[in-house]
Amino acid sequence: MFQLYGRDPDFEALITVPPLAQSPRRTPPGNGIRWDFAYVETAGHDCIYCIHPYFLSASREPLEYGVPLEGEYHAFMYILFEEMMDFHRGFISVGTQFECREASKSCAFGQVTRLIGLAS
């Protein structure tokens, strides 16, 4: 399995990256972007977390860094702060919806599709 930060991903998600015309961004995001993560239920409360995506191709291979993104992608997701794992285990399950944010702006939307490292 693809590893980042020296470990397997915590979960996998399907993320929709809108076209620039529907996005607050001026340029398309690229693979390797470090968005903040917000649960849909708390998105309006400035509760954001460092959970970063690494996007996959249609054949489920990791995309190269910087590949421009638009549309739907599966992504491996990594919770950056180990001390937050138990907290996120209480929220993340298959079907959990979230936003990818830059400051107060939602730039993409996702849904958890599979638990990996977070399941153990």
Protein backbone atom coordinates (compact mmCIF):
# COMPACT_ATOMS: atom_id res chain seq x y z
CA MET A 1 0.00 0.00 0.00
CA PHE A 2 1.12 3.56 -0.67
CA GLN A 3 2.69 5.18 2.37
CA LEU A 4 3.07 8.83 3.21
CA TYR A 5 4.58 10.17 6.44
CA GLY A 6 6.12 6.70 6.88
CA ARG A 7 2.80 4.90 7.37
CA ASP A 8 -0.31 3.58 5.67
CA PRO A 9 -3.28 5.92 5.17
CA ASP A 10 -5.88 6.23 7.90
CA PHE A 11 -8.85 6.04 5.55
CA GLU A 12 -9.90 6.43 1.95
CA ALA A 13 -12.42 8.91 0.61
CA LEU A 14 -14.10 10.00 -2.61
CA ILE A 15 -13.48 13.73 -3.05
CA THR A 16 -15.19 16.05 -5.52
CA VAL A 17 -13.06 18.98 -6.64
CA PRO A 18 -15.34 21.52 -8.38
CA PRO A 19 -14.37 23.34 -11.59
CA LEU A 20 -12.68 26.71 -11.06
CA ALA A 21 -15.86 28.55 -12.06
CA GLN A 22 -17.56 27.02 -8.98
CA SER A 23 -14.57 27.24 -6.65
CA PRO A 24 -13.18 30.01 -4.44
CA ARG A 25 -9.74 29.21 -5.89
CA ARG A 26 -8.09 31.13 -8.74
CA THR A 27 -5.98 28.18 -9.87
CA PRO A 28 -6.76 24.47 -9.79
CA PRO A 29 -5.45 22.59 -6.78
CA GLY A 30 -2.74 20.01 -7.36
CA ASN A 31 -2.07 16.66 -5.80
CA GLY A 32 -0.12 17.21 -2.61
CA ILE A 33 -2.33 20.12 -1.53
CA ARG A 34 -2.65 20.42 2.23
CA TRP A 35 -6.24 21.43 2.78
CA ASP A 36 -7.79 21.52 6.21
CA PHE A 37 -10.53 19.02 6.98
CA ALA A 38 -13.95 19.89 8.44
CA TYR A 39 -16.78 17.56 9.33
CA VAL A 40 -19.96 18.68 7.55
CA GLU A 41 -21.82 18.76 10.89
CA THR A 42 -19.35 21.27 12.35
CA ALA A 43 -18.20 23.09 9.18
CA GLY A 44 -19.76 26.39 10.23
CA HIS A 45 -18.06 26.33 13.64
CA ASP A 46 -14.42 26.75 12.57
CA CYS A 47 -13.58 23.21 13.71
CA ILE A 48 -10.88 22.21 11.25
CA TYR A 49 -8.31 19.45 11.45
CA CYS A 50 -5.06 18.51 9.78
CA ILE A 51 -6.21 15.53 7.73
CA HIS A 52 -4.56 15.63 4.33
CA PRO A 53 -5.49 13.88 1.07
CA TYR A 54 -3.23 12.15 -1.41
CA PHE A 55 -5.17 11.69 -4.63
CA LEU A 56 -5.32 8.54 -6.75
CA SER A 57 -5.78 8.03 -10.49
CA ALA A 58 -8.80 6.26 -12.00
CA SER A 59 -6.73 3.03 -11.87
CA ARG A 60 -6.19 3.68 -8.13
CA GLU A 61 -2.49 4.49 -8.48
CA PRO A 62 -1.08 7.51 -6.60
CA LEU A 63 -1.00 10.62 -8.78
CA GLU A 64 2.23 12.58 -9.04
CA TYR A 65 2.60 15.72 -6.94
CA GLY A 66 1.24 18.83 -8.59
CA VAL A 67 -1.16 17.10 -11.01
CA PRO A 68 -4.06 19.60 -11.42
CA LEU A 69 -7.33 18.32 -9.97
CA GLU A 70 -10.93 18.74 -11.11
CA GLY A 71 -13.74 16.19 -10.78
CA GLU A 72 -14.07 13.11 -8.57
CA TYR A 73 -11.05 11.32 -7.14
CA HIS A 74 -10.40 8.65 -4.60
CA ALA A 75 -7.82 9.77 -2.07
CA PHE A 76 -5.86 8.26 0.76
CA MET A 77 -6.36 10.39 3.87
CA TYR A 78 -3.80 10.95 6.62
CA ILE A 79 -4.53 12.26 10.10
CA LEU A 80 -1.40 14.26 10.88
CA PHE A 81 -1.56 14.40 14.66
CA GLU A 82 -1.34 10.97 16.26
CA GLU A 83 -2.82 12.27 19.52
CA MET A 84 -6.07 13.01 17.60
CA MET A 85 -6.59 9.43 16.35
CA ASP A 86 -9.03 8.41 19.10
CA PHE A 87 -10.97 11.65 18.66
CA HIS A 88 -11.40 11.01 14.93
CA ARG A 89 -12.29 7.34 15.48
CA GLY A 90 -15.40 8.68 17.21
CA PHE A 91 -16.43 10.64 14.10
CA ILE A 92 -15.10 8.86 11.04
CA SER A 93 -16.92 5.88 9.56
CA VAL A 94 -17.83 4.81 6.05
CA GLY A 95 -20.23 7.46 4.77
CA THR A 96 -18.94 10.36 6.89
CA GLN A 97 -19.13 13.57 4.86
CA PHE A 98 -16.53 16.32 5.06
CA GLU A 99 -15.25 19.50 3.44
CA CYS A 100 -11.73 20.32 2.29
CA ARG A 101 -11.08 23.92 3.31
CA GLU A 102 -8.70 26.78 2.79
CA ALA A 103 -9.21 29.14 5.70
CA SER A 104 -12.99 29.72 5.79
CA LYS A 105 -13.62 28.61 2.19
CA SER A 106 -14.80 25.16 1.14
CA CYS A 107 -12.76 24.05 -1.87
CA ALA A 108 -13.86 20.41 -2.21
CA PHE A 109 -16.28 17.93 -0.66
CA GLY A 110 -15.78 14.30 0.29
CA GLN A 111 -17.19 11.16 1.76
CA VAL A 112 -15.33 8.38 3.57
CA THR A 113 -15.40 5.15 1.55
CA ARG A 114 -13.10 2.83 3.51
CA LEU A 115 -11.31 2.71 6.87
CA ILE A 116 -7.69 1.58 6.71
CA GLY A 117 -5.30 2.47 9.57
CA LEU A 118 -8.10 4.10 11.55
CA ALA A 119 -9.88 0.75 11.74
CA SER A 120 -7.19 -0.77 13.96
